[in-house]
N, C-alpha and C. Protein backbone atom coordinates (compact mmCIF):
# COMPACT_ATOMS: atom_id res chain seq x y z
N MET A 1 -75.58 -96.84 -13.49
CA MET A 1 -75.30 -97.44 -15.21
C MET A 1 -74.14 -97.75 -15.18
N LYS A 2 -73.52 -98.90 -15.51
CA LYS A 2 -72.46 -99.54 -15.83
C LYS A 2 -71.41 -98.61 -17.20
N ARG A 3 -70.72 -98.13 -16.33
CA ARG A 3 -69.82 -97.43 -17.43
C ARG A 3 -68.42 -98.22 -18.02
N THR A 4 -69.12 -98.93 -19.21
CA THR A 4 -67.80 -99.70 -19.76
C THR A 4 -66.94 -99.21 -20.96
N ARG A 5 -66.52 -99.73 -21.79
CA ARG A 5 -65.58 -99.16 -22.51
C ARG A 5 -66.10 -98.71 -23.67
N ALA A 6 -67.56 -99.55 -24.09
CA ALA A 6 -68.25 -98.45 -25.12
C ALA A 6 -68.60 -97.11 -24.73
N TRP A 7 -69.28 -97.07 -23.71
CA TRP A 7 -69.90 -95.89 -22.91
C TRP A 7 -68.99 -94.84 -23.09
N ARG A 8 -67.45 -95.04 -22.60
CA ARG A 8 -66.69 -94.08 -22.35
C ARG A 8 -65.89 -93.71 -23.97
N ARG A 9 -66.06 -94.60 -24.66
CA ARG A 9 -65.70 -94.22 -26.16
C ARG A 9 -66.63 -93.56 -26.88
N MET A 10 -68.57 -93.85 -26.38
CA MET A 10 -69.38 -92.54 -26.95
C MET A 10 -69.37 -91.41 -26.10
N GLN A 11 -68.89 -91.52 -24.99
CA GLN A 11 -68.70 -90.03 -24.75
C GLN A 11 -67.74 -89.24 -24.98
N ALA A 12 -66.32 -89.74 -25.63
CA ALA A 12 -65.67 -89.06 -26.10
C ALA A 12 -65.68 -88.65 -27.31
N ARG A 13 -66.78 -89.44 -28.46
CA ARG A 13 -67.43 -89.10 -29.74
C ARG A 13 -68.05 -87.74 -29.24
N LYS A 14 -68.93 -87.53 -28.28
CA LYS A 14 -69.98 -86.98 -27.98
C LYS A 14 -69.17 -85.83 -27.62
N CYS A 15 -68.47 -85.41 -26.77
CA CYS A 15 -67.71 -84.49 -26.39
C CYS A 15 -66.46 -83.95 -26.87
N ARG A 16 -66.08 -84.36 -27.78
CA ARG A 16 -65.28 -83.88 -28.49
C ARG A 16 -64.80 -82.41 -29.19
N GLY A 17 -65.96 -82.02 -29.32
CA GLY A 17 -66.19 -80.60 -29.97
C GLY A 17 -66.39 -80.16 -30.66
N ASP A 18 -65.65 -80.84 -32.12
CA ASP A 18 -65.75 -80.29 -33.18
C ASP A 18 -66.99 -81.47 -33.89
N ASN A 19 -67.55 -80.77 -34.29
CA ASN A 19 -68.82 -81.89 -34.76
C ASN A 19 -68.60 -81.85 -36.36
N THR A 20 -67.97 -81.52 -36.68
CA THR A 20 -67.16 -81.53 -38.61
C THR A 20 -66.84 -83.04 -38.98
N VAL A 21 -67.35 -83.34 -40.00
CA VAL A 21 -66.58 -84.70 -40.67
C VAL A 21 -65.05 -84.61 -40.81
N ARG A 22 -64.38 -85.46 -40.44
CA ARG A 22 -63.16 -85.44 -40.71
C ARG A 22 -62.57 -85.82 -42.32
N PRO A 23 -61.95 -85.60 -43.34
CA PRO A 23 -61.15 -85.96 -44.07
C PRO A 23 -60.69 -87.08 -43.94
N LEU A 24 -60.62 -88.17 -44.82
CA LEU A 24 -59.32 -89.15 -44.79
C LEU A 24 -58.04 -88.65 -44.98
N GLU A 25 -57.30 -88.87 -43.55
CA GLU A 25 -55.68 -88.21 -43.89
C GLU A 25 -55.36 -89.36 -44.85
N PHE A 26 -54.30 -88.32 -45.33
CA PHE A 26 -53.17 -88.77 -46.33
C PHE A 26 -52.21 -90.17 -45.29
N LYS A 27 -52.70 -91.83 -46.12
CA LYS A 27 -51.56 -92.29 -45.61
C LYS A 27 -50.27 -92.66 -46.41
N PRO A 28 -49.13 -92.97 -46.09
CA PRO A 28 -47.78 -93.09 -46.93
C PRO A 28 -47.85 -95.20 -47.10
N GLU A 29 -47.24 -94.90 -48.08
CA GLU A 29 -47.12 -96.70 -48.04
C GLU A 29 -46.56 -97.25 -47.58
N LYS A 30 -46.96 -98.13 -47.66
CA LYS A 30 -46.27 -98.95 -46.10
C LYS A 30 -45.09 -99.33 -46.45
N ASN A 31 -44.15 -99.47 -45.59
CA ASN A 31 -42.93 -99.98 -45.73
C ASN A 31 -42.77 -101.52 -46.43
N TRP A 32 -42.21 -101.49 -47.54
CA TRP A 32 -42.41 -103.12 -47.57
C TRP A 32 -41.61 -104.02 -46.52
N LYS A 33 -40.71 -103.48 -45.89
CA LYS A 33 -39.50 -104.35 -44.97
C LYS A 33 -40.55 -104.86 -43.91
N LEU A 34 -41.63 -103.90 -43.47
CA LEU A 34 -42.24 -103.92 -42.35
C LEU A 34 -43.74 -105.25 -42.80
N MET A 35 -44.13 -105.38 -43.94
CA MET A 35 -45.01 -105.95 -44.32
C MET A 35 -44.38 -108.01 -44.75
N TYR A 36 -45.39 -108.47 -43.89
CA TYR A 36 -44.75 -109.49 -43.44
C TYR A 36 -44.12 -110.72 -44.26
N THR A 37 -45.82 -111.41 -44.91
CA THR A 37 -45.67 -112.50 -46.19
C THR A 37 -45.57 -112.28 -47.54
N ARG A 38 -44.86 -112.74 -47.97
CA ARG A 38 -44.94 -112.63 -49.80
C ARG A 38 -46.34 -112.40 -50.36
N ALA A 39 -47.42 -113.09 -49.37
CA ALA A 39 -48.35 -112.98 -50.73
C ALA A 39 -49.24 -111.63 -50.12
N ALA A 40 -48.89 -111.07 -49.16
CA ALA A 40 -49.58 -109.79 -48.62
C ALA A 40 -48.66 -108.78 -49.88
N LYS A 41 -47.45 -108.84 -50.08
CA LYS A 41 -46.21 -107.85 -50.87
C LYS A 41 -47.16 -107.98 -52.24
N LEU A 42 -47.25 -109.21 -52.74
CA LEU A 42 -48.07 -109.55 -53.97
C LEU A 42 -49.49 -108.52 -53.95
N TYR A 43 -50.06 -108.92 -53.38
CA TYR A 43 -51.10 -108.21 -53.10
C TYR A 43 -51.22 -106.42 -52.57
N ARG A 44 -50.63 -105.91 -52.37
CA ARG A 44 -49.92 -104.58 -52.25
C ARG A 44 -49.20 -104.18 -53.40
N ALA A 45 -48.49 -105.07 -54.00
CA ALA A 45 -48.11 -104.91 -55.68
C ALA A 45 -48.94 -104.17 -56.93
N HIS A 46 -50.32 -105.68 -56.40
CA HIS A 46 -51.22 -105.28 -57.51
C HIS A 46 -51.86 -104.32 -57.02
N GLN A 47 -52.28 -104.06 -55.93
CA GLN A 47 -53.00 -102.56 -55.90
C GLN A 47 -52.36 -101.31 -56.90
N LEU A 48 -50.90 -101.21 -56.63
CA LEU A 48 -50.21 -100.20 -56.80
C LEU A 48 -50.08 -99.96 -57.93
N GLY A 49 -49.98 -101.22 -59.21
CA GLY A 49 -49.86 -101.26 -60.23
C GLY A 49 -48.83 -101.86 -60.79
N MET A 50 -47.92 -102.12 -59.92
CA MET A 50 -46.29 -102.40 -60.19
C MET A 50 -45.90 -103.77 -59.72
N SER A 51 -44.90 -104.05 -60.39
CA SER A 51 -44.28 -105.55 -60.65
C SER A 51 -43.73 -106.00 -59.29
N TYR A 52 -43.89 -107.13 -58.87
CA TYR A 52 -43.03 -107.57 -57.56
C TYR A 52 -42.46 -108.96 -58.10
N PRO A 53 -41.53 -109.56 -57.83
CA PRO A 53 -40.51 -108.62 -56.90
C PRO A 53 -39.83 -107.96 -58.01
N ILE A 54 -39.06 -106.56 -57.54
CA ILE A 54 -38.56 -105.52 -58.35
C ILE A 54 -37.35 -106.31 -58.32
N ARG A 55 -37.43 -106.31 -60.05
CA ARG A 55 -36.00 -106.87 -60.71
C ARG A 55 -35.35 -106.07 -61.87
N THR A 56 -33.93 -106.06 -61.63
CA THR A 56 -33.06 -105.09 -62.13
C THR A 56 -33.49 -105.06 -63.72
N THR A 57 -32.67 -104.34 -64.56
CA THR A 57 -32.88 -104.83 -65.84
C THR A 57 -31.76 -105.52 -65.94
N ARG A 58 -30.60 -106.10 -65.62
CA ARG A 58 -29.62 -107.15 -66.24
C ARG A 58 -30.84 -108.39 -65.66
N GLN A 59 -31.64 -108.73 -64.21
CA GLN A 59 -32.38 -110.01 -64.18
C GLN A 59 -32.97 -110.11 -65.01
N LEU A 60 -33.89 -109.00 -65.55
CA LEU A 60 -34.61 -109.34 -66.84
C LEU A 60 -33.93 -109.98 -68.10
N LEU A 61 -32.93 -109.27 -68.28
CA LEU A 61 -32.20 -110.00 -70.03
C LEU A 61 -31.64 -111.36 -69.46
N ASP A 62 -31.07 -111.57 -68.28
CA ASP A 62 -30.73 -113.11 -68.13
C ASP A 62 -31.75 -114.30 -68.02
N GLN A 63 -32.94 -113.48 -67.50
CA GLN A 63 -33.97 -114.48 -67.68
C GLN A 63 -34.77 -114.56 -69.22
N GLU A 64 -34.13 -113.95 -70.19
CA GLU A 64 -34.71 -114.01 -71.57
C GLU A 64 -33.53 -115.26 -72.11
């Protein structure tokens, strides 16, 4: 029998010992500095329901 990576992964899952389904663990928000493109930042901001780029009150007043 050929023992490939898929076989090893299946064995690891099969022999893990706990047969319970693991709940989704909390994942913290991404660090904005690590998000590379502007499009990715805009997409994530839209998901979170926030405006991006973040503007100060002074910037908003100057814009008007």
